[in-house]
Amino acid sequence: MAKSRSALVVPSIAILLGFALGAAVLLATGRSPIDMFYAMLQSVSGKNLRADTFNPRYIGEFIVQSMPIMLTGLSVGFAFRTGLFNIGAEGQLMVGSIAAVAVGLWVQAPPVIHVLLVLLAAMLAGGLWGAIPGFLKARFNVHEVVVTIMLNYVALYLNNWAIVSIFKSVDRIKTEVIPATALLKSSALAALTNGSRLNWGFVPVLLSILVYWFLIEKTTFGYSLRAVGFNKDGALYAGMKVNRSIVSSMIIAGVFAGLAGAVITVGTFSFGRALPAAEGYGFDGIAVALVGGNAAIGVFLSGLLFGMLKAAQPLMQSQGIPKDIASIIQASIVLFIAMKYGIEYLMKKIRMRKPPVAVEEVES
């Protein structure tokens, strides 16, 4: 009971400290933290408290910003739960995006079937990309952090080469528009949120969260993966297939990240894009997984938190607040999460200093 309570209290304290530090930075630079909090509230609710107006477009963009980092958070979190550190969610996302573009442009199918094929192709590509560090870890004990970091750069240049050379981009920036049958876009959702980019991508995201929870918490397969993560030697002694578990874990982590690439490509946008650098979704996923405690509901809630910070950046700039303050808050929250044992130690000291509750003896 105490452990589960600590799992909720420590992230909450870290989040509060992160926002407090962000507010302190603003005060030190002569800006008002109130404007920052107003911008964040507007990005989540669409309500402008200063002008007393409501615009649902902000809500749609907030959800759009949250979806891919939830999926990369699931990717990183799944690897964490099984004793692995997946730094390669960014690359797996890009490879998933390439597969989504290929199936979207080259395959002809009815609307719903076409979208499903796009999503499945992206998940398969991400899973195969994740299998590479998994295999190298299992077969040659090559550390997955090194391999995944290197593969992120390979995926970036592979993506840009594919956009120009395979998909024949004319402007060398983006592909031709993907047919509507392969898109997650919805005119109804866009109209509901005043022209935002909100799309049906939230459906596979929510399903992924449920699958993550069920797989990790309710299946013997998930138990064996967690057992390998807790103690590889003990799992091997118990007769578990450790190498297979390592590869399987990285494949599943890659599947989640690959799906994020599809949600971005055929949901937020309608084309493949050449990228000058990594966009940071994979690294945001690390923060989301850490703050969420690698649990399904935790990743969902922390994904909303970091999605809010991303969505609030344009509003902050309109108030004269540098958008980098959101990055400062995000980094601060991760820093305080990393100080988990220090926070728990302080909490223990505070509890020990509380005077004991006097109990009156009742005379018989």
Foldseek 3Di string as FASTA:
>chain_A
DVVVVLLPVLLVVLLVVLLVVLQVVCVVVPHHVVLVVQLLVCLCFQARPVVRDGFLQSNLLLVLLLQLLLLLLLLQLLQLLLQAGQLQLLLLLLQLLLQLQCLLAPPDDAQVVSQVNSLVSLLQRLLVLLLVLLLCCLPVVDHSVVVSVVSNVVSLVVLLCCQCPVQPDPVSWWHPFGDNSNAQADPVVCVVRVRHLRGNSVVVSVVLLVCSQCQCPPDPLNVLSSVCNVPVVVSVVVPDPNSVSSSVSSSNSSSSSSSSSNCCDRRSHRIRGRDPDRPCSNVSSVLLNLSLVSHSVSSSVSSSVLSSLVSSLVSCVVVVHHSCSSVSSSVSSSVSSVCSVVVVVVVVVVVVPDDDDDDDDDDD
